[in-house]
C-alpha atoms as a PDB file:
ATOM      1  CA  MET A   1      -9.641  13.239   5.378  1.00  0.00           C
ATOM      2  CA  PRO A   2     -10.327  14.294   1.766  1.00  0.00           C
ATOM      3  CA  ARG A   3     -13.537  16.199   1.220  1.00  0.00           C
ATOM      4  CA  SER A   4     -14.125  14.450  -2.092  1.00  0.00           C
ATOM      5  CA  LEU A   5     -15.563  10.972  -1.783  1.00  0.00           C
ATOM      6  CA  LEU A   6     -14.780   9.596  -5.211  1.00  0.00           C
ATOM      7  CA  LYS A   7     -13.049  11.322  -8.072  1.00  0.00           C
ATOM      8  CA  PRO A   8     -10.762  10.222 -10.930  1.00  0.00           C
ATOM      9  CA  LEU A   9      -7.217  11.525 -10.567  1.00  0.00           C
ATOM     10  CA  LEU A  10      -5.263  10.066 -13.448  1.00  0.00           C
ATOM     11  CA  ILE A  11      -5.948   8.143 -16.620  1.00  0.00           C
ATOM     12  CA  LEU A  12      -3.077   6.288 -18.188  1.00  0.00           C
ATOM     13  CA  PRO A  13      -3.522   4.658 -21.576  1.00  0.00           C
ATOM     14  CA  GLY A  14      -0.806   2.290 -22.608  1.00  0.00           C
ATOM     15  CA  LEU A  15      -2.015  -1.102 -21.464  1.00  0.00           C
ATOM     16  CA  PHE A  16      -2.923  -2.869 -24.690  1.00  0.00           C
ATOM     17  CA  ILE A  17      -4.664  -6.052 -25.676  1.00  0.00           C
ATOM     18  CA  PRO A  18      -5.419  -6.746 -29.346  1.00  0.00           C
ATOM     19  CA  GLY A  19      -7.960  -4.266 -30.678  1.00  0.00           C
ATOM     20  CA  LEU A  20      -8.564  -2.633 -27.297  1.00  0.00           C
ATOM     21  CA  VAL A  21      -6.924   0.036 -25.121  1.00  0.00           C
ATOM     22  CA  MET A  22      -6.743  -1.079 -21.493  1.00  0.00           C
ATOM     23  CA  ALA A  23      -7.190   2.145 -19.507  1.00  0.00           C
ATOM     24  CA  THR A  24      -5.759   2.302 -16.000  1.00  0.00           C
ATOM     25  CA  ASP A  25      -7.158   4.967 -13.706  1.00  0.00           C
ATOM     26  CA  VAL A  26      -6.716   6.080 -10.119  1.00  0.00           C
ATOM     27  CA  GLN A  27      -9.561   6.928  -7.793  1.00  0.00           C
ATOM     28  CA  THR A  28      -9.612   8.243  -4.252  1.00  0.00           C
ATOM     29  CA  GLY A  29     -12.297   8.306  -1.599  1.00  0.00           C
ATOM     30  CA  VAL A  30     -13.096   7.033   1.882  1.00  0.00           C
ATOM     31  CA  ASP A  31     -12.803   3.310   2.527  1.00  0.00           C
ATOM     32  CA  ALA A  32     -16.168   2.021   3.742  1.00  0.00           C
ATOM     33  CA  GLU A  33     -14.707  -0.336   6.329  1.00  0.00           C
ATOM     34  CA  ALA A  34     -11.781   1.700   7.663  1.00  0.00           C
ATOM     35  CA  GLN A  35     -13.506   5.088   7.308  1.00  0.00           C
ATOM     36  CA  LEU A  36     -10.165   6.492   6.202  1.00  0.00           C
ATOM     37  CA  PRO A  37      -8.918   7.822   2.837  1.00  0.00           C
ATOM     38  CA  TYR A  38      -7.868   5.425   0.092  1.00  0.00           C
ATOM     39  CA  TRP A  39      -6.142   5.645  -3.283  1.00  0.00           C
ATOM     40  CA  GLU A  40      -6.900   2.912  -5.815  1.00  0.00           C
ATOM     41  CA  LEU A  41      -5.234   2.002  -9.105  1.00  0.00           C
ATOM     42  CA  ARG A  42      -7.338  -0.243 -11.320  1.00  0.00           C
ATOM     43  CA  ASN A  43      -8.108  -1.535 -14.787  1.00  0.00           C
ATOM     44  CA  ARG A  44     -10.083  -4.504 -16.103  1.00  0.00           C
ATOM     45  CA  GLU A  45      -7.379  -6.954 -14.990  1.00  0.00           C
ATOM     46  CA  MET A  46      -6.178  -5.707 -11.599  1.00  0.00           C
ATOM     47  CA  SER A  47      -6.767  -3.366  -8.681  1.00  0.00           C
ATOM     48  CA  LEU A  48      -4.415  -1.978  -6.043  1.00  0.00           C
ATOM     49  CA  ARG A  49      -5.897  -0.114  -3.068  1.00  0.00           C
ATOM     50  CA  LEU A  50      -3.881   1.813  -0.446  1.00  0.00           C
ATOM     51  CA  VAL A  51      -5.855   2.701   2.688  1.00  0.00           C
ATOM     52  CA  GLN A  52      -4.460   5.083   5.285  1.00  0.00           C
ATOM     53  CA  ARG A  53      -3.644   3.719   8.722  1.00  0.00           C
ATOM     54  CA  LEU A  54      -3.541   6.142  11.617  1.00  0.00           C
ATOM     55  CA  PRO A  55      -0.273   6.004  13.585  1.00  0.00           C
ATOM     56  CA  ASP A  56      -2.263   5.228  16.739  1.00  0.00           C
ATOM     57  CA  GLN A  57      -3.776   2.186  15.002  1.00  0.00           C
ATOM     58  CA  SER A  58      -0.333   0.828  14.194  1.00  0.00           C
ATOM     59  CA  ARG A  59       0.979   1.575  17.692  1.00  0.00           C
ATOM     60  CA  ALA A  60      -1.885  -0.342  19.298  1.00  0.00           C
ATOM     61  CA  PHE A  61      -1.623  -3.226  16.805  1.00  0.00           C
ATOM     62  CA  PHE A  62       2.078  -3.842  17.408  1.00  0.00           C
ATOM     63  CA  GLN A  63       2.109  -3.169  21.135  1.00  0.00           C
ATOM     64  CA  ALA A  64      -0.516  -5.908  21.417  1.00  0.00           C
ATOM     65  CA  ARG A  65       1.971  -8.237  19.691  1.00  0.00           C
ATOM     66  CA  GLY A  66       4.891  -7.736  22.046  1.00  0.00           C
ATOM     67  CA  PHE A  67       6.485  -4.565  20.682  1.00  0.00           C
ATOM     68  CA  SER A  68       7.823  -1.951  23.062  1.00  0.00           C
ATOM     69  CA  SER A  69       6.362   1.553  22.867  1.00  0.00           C
ATOM     70  CA  GLU A  70       9.600   2.716  21.200  1.00  0.00           C
ATOM     71  CA  HIS A  71       9.535   0.062  18.496  1.00  0.00           C
ATOM     72  CA  ALA A  72       5.805   0.404  17.852  1.00  0.00           C
ATOM     73  CA  ASP A  73       6.240   4.170  17.504  1.00  0.00           C
ATOM     74  CA  LEU A  74       9.044   3.654  14.964  1.00  0.00           C
ATOM     75  CA  ILE A  75       6.621   1.727  12.735  1.00  0.00           C
ATOM     76  CA  ALA A  76       3.662   4.026  13.370  1.00  0.00           C
ATOM     77  CA  ARG A  77       5.576   7.146  12.297  1.00  0.00           C
ATOM     78  CA  SER A  78       6.888   5.553   9.083  1.00  0.00           C
ATOM     79  CA  CYS A  79       3.746   6.088   6.918  1.00  0.00           C
ATOM     80  CA  VAL A  80       1.844   2.794   6.983  1.00  0.00           C
ATOM     81  CA  PHE A  81      -0.939   1.876   4.560  1.00  0.00           C
ATOM     82  CA  GLN A  82      -3.192  -1.155   4.393  1.00  0.00           C
ATOM     83  CA  THR A  83      -2.611  -2.558   0.902  1.00  0.00           C
ATOM     84  CA  VAL A  84      -4.986  -4.780  -1.066  1.00  0.00           C
ATOM     85  CA  PHE A  85      -3.809  -6.108  -4.450  1.00  0.00           C
ATOM     86  CA  LYS A  86      -6.180  -8.160  -6.652  1.00  0.00           C
ATOM     87  CA  ASN A  87      -5.855 -10.027  -9.930  1.00  0.00           C
ATOM     88  CA  THR A  88      -9.272  -9.504 -11.524  1.00  0.00           C
ATOM     89  CA  SER A  89      -8.354 -10.900 -14.941  1.00  0.00           C
ATOM     90  CA  ASN A  90     -10.568 -13.923 -14.218  1.00  0.00           C
ATOM     91  CA  LEU A  91     -13.429 -11.623 -15.278  1.00  0.00           C
ATOM     92  CA  THR A  92     -11.813 -10.802 -18.652  1.00  0.00           C
ATOM     93  CA  THR A  93      -8.751 -12.532 -20.096  1.00  0.00           C
ATOM     94  CA  PRO A  94      -7.193 -14.715 -17.365  1.00  0.00           C
ATOM     95  CA  SER A  95      -3.500 -14.022 -16.788  1.00  0.00           C
ATOM     96  CA  PRO A  96      -1.164 -14.320 -13.772  1.00  0.00           C
ATOM     97  CA  LEU A  97      -0.119 -11.053 -12.111  1.00  0.00           C
ATOM     98  CA  GLU A  98       3.399 -10.688 -10.726  1.00  0.00           C
ATOM     99  CA  TYR A  99       4.981  -7.826  -8.784  1.00  0.00           C
ATOM    100  CA  HIS A 100       8.135  -7.024  -6.813  1.00  0.00           C
ATOM    101  CA  LEU A 101       8.112  -4.087  -4.401  1.00  0.00           C
ATOM    102  CA  HIS A 102      11.759  -3.322  -5.176  1.00  0.00           C
ATOM    103  CA  ASP A 103      10.531  -2.214  -8.628  1.00  0.00           C
ATOM    104  CA  TRP A 104       8.204   0.405  -7.134  1.00  0.00           C
ATOM    105  CA  THR A 105       9.407   3.974  -6.617  1.00  0.00           C
ATOM    106  CA  VAL A 106       8.307   6.610  -4.109  1.00  0.00           C
ATOM    107  CA  HIS A 107       8.577  10.166  -5.491  1.00  0.00           C
ATOM    108  CA  TYR A 108       8.806  12.691  -2.670  1.00  0.00           C
ATOM    109  CA  LYS A 109       9.873  16.352  -2.859  1.00  0.00           C
ATOM    110  CA  GLY A 110      11.950  15.854  -5.990  1.00  0.00           C
ATOM    111  CA  THR A 111      13.645  12.693  -4.708  1.00  0.00           C
ATOM    112  CA  GLN A 112      13.186   9.031  -5.549  1.00  0.00           C
ATOM    113  CA  ARG A 113      13.313   6.313  -2.931  1.00  0.00           C
ATOM    114  CA  LYS A 114      12.232   2.737  -2.371  1.00  0.00           C
ATOM    115  CA  MET A 115       9.713   1.331   0.062  1.00  0.00           C
ATOM    116  CA  LYS A 116      10.880  -0.194   3.359  1.00  0.00           C
ATOM    117  CA  VAL A 117      10.092  -3.874   2.804  1.00  0.00           C
ATOM    118  CA  ARG A 118      10.246  -7.016   4.941  1.00  0.00           C
ATOM    119  CA  GLU A 119      13.945  -7.619   4.326  1.00  0.00           C
ATOM    120  CA  ASP A 120      14.866  -4.050   5.338  1.00  0.00           C
ATOM    121  CA  TRP A 121      12.849  -4.311   8.542  1.00  0.00           C
ATOM    122  CA  LYS A 122      14.353  -7.700   9.373  1.00  0.00           C
ATOM    123  CA  GLN A 123      17.828  -6.143   9.452  1.00  0.00           C
ATOM    124  CA  GLU A 124      16.494  -3.266  11.554  1.00  0.00           C
ATOM    125  CA  TRP A 125      14.872  -5.545  14.125  1.00  0.00           C
ATOM    126  CA  GLN A 126      17.904  -7.811  14.382  1.00  0.00           C
ATOM    127  CA  LYS A 127      20.116  -4.803  15.136  1.00  0.00           C
ATOM    128  CA  ARG A 128      17.647  -3.641  17.789  1.00  0.00           C
ATOM    129  CA  GLY A 129      17.367  -7.089  19.366  1.00  0.00           C
ATOM    130  CA  LEU A 130      13.619  -7.457  18.865  1.00  0.00           C
ATOM    131  CA  PRO A 131      12.308 -10.799  20.202  1.00  0.00           C
ATOM    132  CA  MET A 132      11.870 -13.426  17.501  1.00  0.00           C
ATOM    133  CA  ALA A 133       8.144 -13.817  18.195  1.00  0.00           C
ATOM    134  CA  ALA A 134       7.631 -10.093  17.570  1.00  0.00           C
ATOM    135  CA  GLN A 135       9.755 -10.258  14.405  1.00  0.00           C
ATOM    136  CA  LEU A 136       7.595 -13.057  13.028  1.00  0.00           C
ATOM    137  CA  ALA A 137       4.378 -11.186  13.879  1.00  0.00           C
ATOM    138  CA  PHE A 138       5.690  -8.142  12.054  1.00  0.00           C
ATOM    139  CA  GLU A 139       6.784 -10.125   9.000  1.00  0.00           C
ATOM    140  CA  TRP A 140       3.341 -11.707   8.624  1.00  0.00           C
ATOM    141  CA  ALA A 141       1.587  -8.354   9.052  1.00  0.00           C
ATOM    142  CA  LEU A 142       3.675  -6.676   6.338  1.00  0.00           C
ATOM    143  CA  TYR A 143       2.741  -6.915   2.660  1.00  0.00           C
ATOM    144  CA  PRO A 144       4.870  -9.544   0.818  1.00  0.00           C
ATOM    145  CA  THR A 145       7.853  -8.147  -1.081  1.00  0.00           C
ATOM    146  CA  GLU A 146       7.091 -10.230  -4.164  1.00  0.00           C
ATOM    147  CA  GLN A 147       4.282 -12.523  -5.216  1.00  0.00           C
ATOM    148  CA  VAL A 148       2.439 -14.049  -8.165  1.00  0.00           C
ATOM    149  CA  TYR A 149      -1.366 -13.954  -8.148  1.00  0.00           C
ATOM    150  CA  GLN A 150      -3.366 -16.324 -10.303  1.00  0.00           C
ATOM    151  CA  PRO A 151      -6.608 -14.972 -11.847  1.00  0.00           C
ATOM    152  CA  GLY A 152      -9.046 -14.234  -9.021  1.00  0.00           C
ATOM    153  CA  ASP A 153      -6.349 -14.231  -6.310  1.00  0.00           C
ATOM    154  CA  TYR A 154      -5.665 -11.317  -3.966  1.00  0.00           C
ATOM    155  CA  ASN A 155      -3.794 -10.485  -0.794  1.00  0.00           C
ATOM    156  CA  TRP A 156      -3.527  -7.710   1.768  1.00  0.00           C
ATOM    157  CA  GLY A 157      -1.080  -6.436   4.380  1.00  0.00           C
ATOM    158  CA  MET A 158       0.676  -3.326   5.637  1.00  0.00           C
ATOM    159  CA  SER A 159       3.000  -1.359   3.361  1.00  0.00           C
ATOM    160  CA  VAL A 160       5.554   1.063   4.800  1.00  0.00           C
ATOM    161  CA  PHE A 161       6.736   4.090   2.816  1.00  0.00           C
ATOM    162  CA  ASN A 162       9.301   5.385   5.327  1.00  0.00           C
ATOM    163  CA  LEU A 163       8.007   8.983   5.371  1.00  0.00           C
ATOM    164  CA  GLU A 164       6.914  11.292   8.170  1.00  0.00           C
ATOM    165  CA  PRO A 165       3.209  11.522   9.111  1.00  0.00           C
ATOM    166  CA  GLY A 166       1.342  13.942   6.839  1.00  0.00           C
ATOM    167  CA  SER A 167       3.813  13.576   3.939  1.00  0.00           C
ATOM    168  CA  VAL A 168       2.399  13.587   0.395  1.00  0.00           C
ATOM    169  CA  PHE A 169       4.047  11.473  -2.301  1.00  0.00           C
ATOM    170  CA  ASP A 170       3.556   9.850  -5.712  1.00  0.00           C
ATOM    171  CA  LEU A 171       3.927   6.086  -6.039  1.00  0.00           C
ATOM    172  CA  GLU A 172       5.166   4.519  -9.275  1.00  0.00           C
ATOM    173  CA  VAL A 173       3.785   0.981  -9.435  1.00  0.00           C
ATOM    174  CA  VAL A 174       5.236  -1.762 -11.646  1.00  0.00           C
ATOM    175  CA  TRP A 175       3.695  -5.164 -12.337  1.00  0.00           C
ATOM    176  CA  GLN A 176       3.726  -7.900 -14.982  1.00  0.00           C
ATOM    177  CA  GLN A 177       0.552  -9.262 -16.533  1.00  0.00           C
ATOM    178  CA  SER A 178      -0.670 -10.526 -19.909  1.00  0.00           C
ATOM    179  CA  GLY A 179       2.915 -10.988 -21.078  1.00  0.00           C
ATOM    180  CA  LYS A 180       3.848  -7.335 -20.506  1.00  0.00           C
ATOM    181  CA  GLN A 181       5.365  -5.071 -17.880  1.00  0.00           C
ATOM    182  CA  HIS A 182       3.033  -2.259 -16.828  1.00  0.00           C
ATOM    183  CA  THR A 183       3.809   0.983 -15.030  1.00  0.00           C
ATOM    184  CA  ALA A 184       1.351   3.501 -13.556  1.00  0.00           C
ATOM    185  CA  THR A 185       1.622   6.313 -11.022  1.00  0.00           C
ATOM    186  CA  ILE A 186      -0.676   7.035  -8.095  1.00  0.00           C
ATOM    187  CA  LYS A 187      -0.352  10.750  -7.441  1.00  0.00           C
ATOM    188  CA  GLY A 188      -0.886  12.701  -4.249  1.00  0.00           C
ATOM    189  CA  VAL A 189      -0.914   9.825  -1.763  1.00  0.00           C
ATOM    190  CA  GLU A 190      -1.045  11.272   1.760  1.00  0.00           C
ATOM    191  CA  CYS A 191       0.406   9.646   4.858  1.00  0.00           C
ATOM    192  CA  ALA A 192      -1.969   9.907   7.809  1.00  0.00           C
ATOM    193  CA  ALA A 193      -1.230  12.691  10.265  1.00  0.00           C
ATOM    194  CA  ASP A 194      -0.175  11.666  13.763  1.00  0.00           C
ATOM    195  CA  VAL A 195      -3.373  12.737  15.498  1.00  0.00           C
ATOM    196  CA  THR A 196      -5.809  11.051  17.821  1.00  0.00           C
ATOM    197  CA  LEU A 197      -9.358  10.967  16.486  1.00  0.00           C
ATOM    198  CA  ALA A 198     -12.444  10.866  18.664  1.00  0.00           C
ATOM    199  CA  PRO A 199     -14.280   7.510  18.694  1.00  0.00           C
ATOM    200  CA  ARG A 200     -17.073   7.128  16.150  1.00  0.00           C
ATOM    201  CA  GLY A 201     -20.331   8.584  17.351  1.00  0.00           C
ATOM    202  CA  SER A 202     -18.728  10.915  19.905  1.00  0.00           C
ATOM    203  CA  GLU A 203     -19.015  14.663  19.699  1.00  0.00           C
END
């Protein structure tokens, strides 16, 4: 878990509205509810928060929904984050926000790769013969591949970055809002290590 609770990592000018520079910055800290590290990209019109999920959390979640230990472990060791994306332009200049995860790029050790989205997992589960009920539970738990948010709308779900536990990567995020395409990078995102933590309050 990072020792710093809240610090700016990156400031990207380049989002413009007439007469004003729309600054987009990235902050990291500890999510109050999850008590795990987060990385958040935000400006006056949107916010995107990635919160670490421990592999054991994902194992337990999917085993409770009919997944075998093998299949739950495959997900858990693929770098899962809880993702919350909000259109906050209702507080400024209302504008729909649109994204497509295929436009986002994971930068890892000098390579570029794409996220493992719902459609990729669907092919994987069909090949492995996962029961349909479990496939549907997984699809609804995963963050949507593409969506349009009206001002004030938001959504959340699990995002999978297909990296080993403990990996550190940069995420290039692309979205459309206010008639423009925007790009910003969240640097130094860290997949949770595959460790078992003591329950809260224990020594």
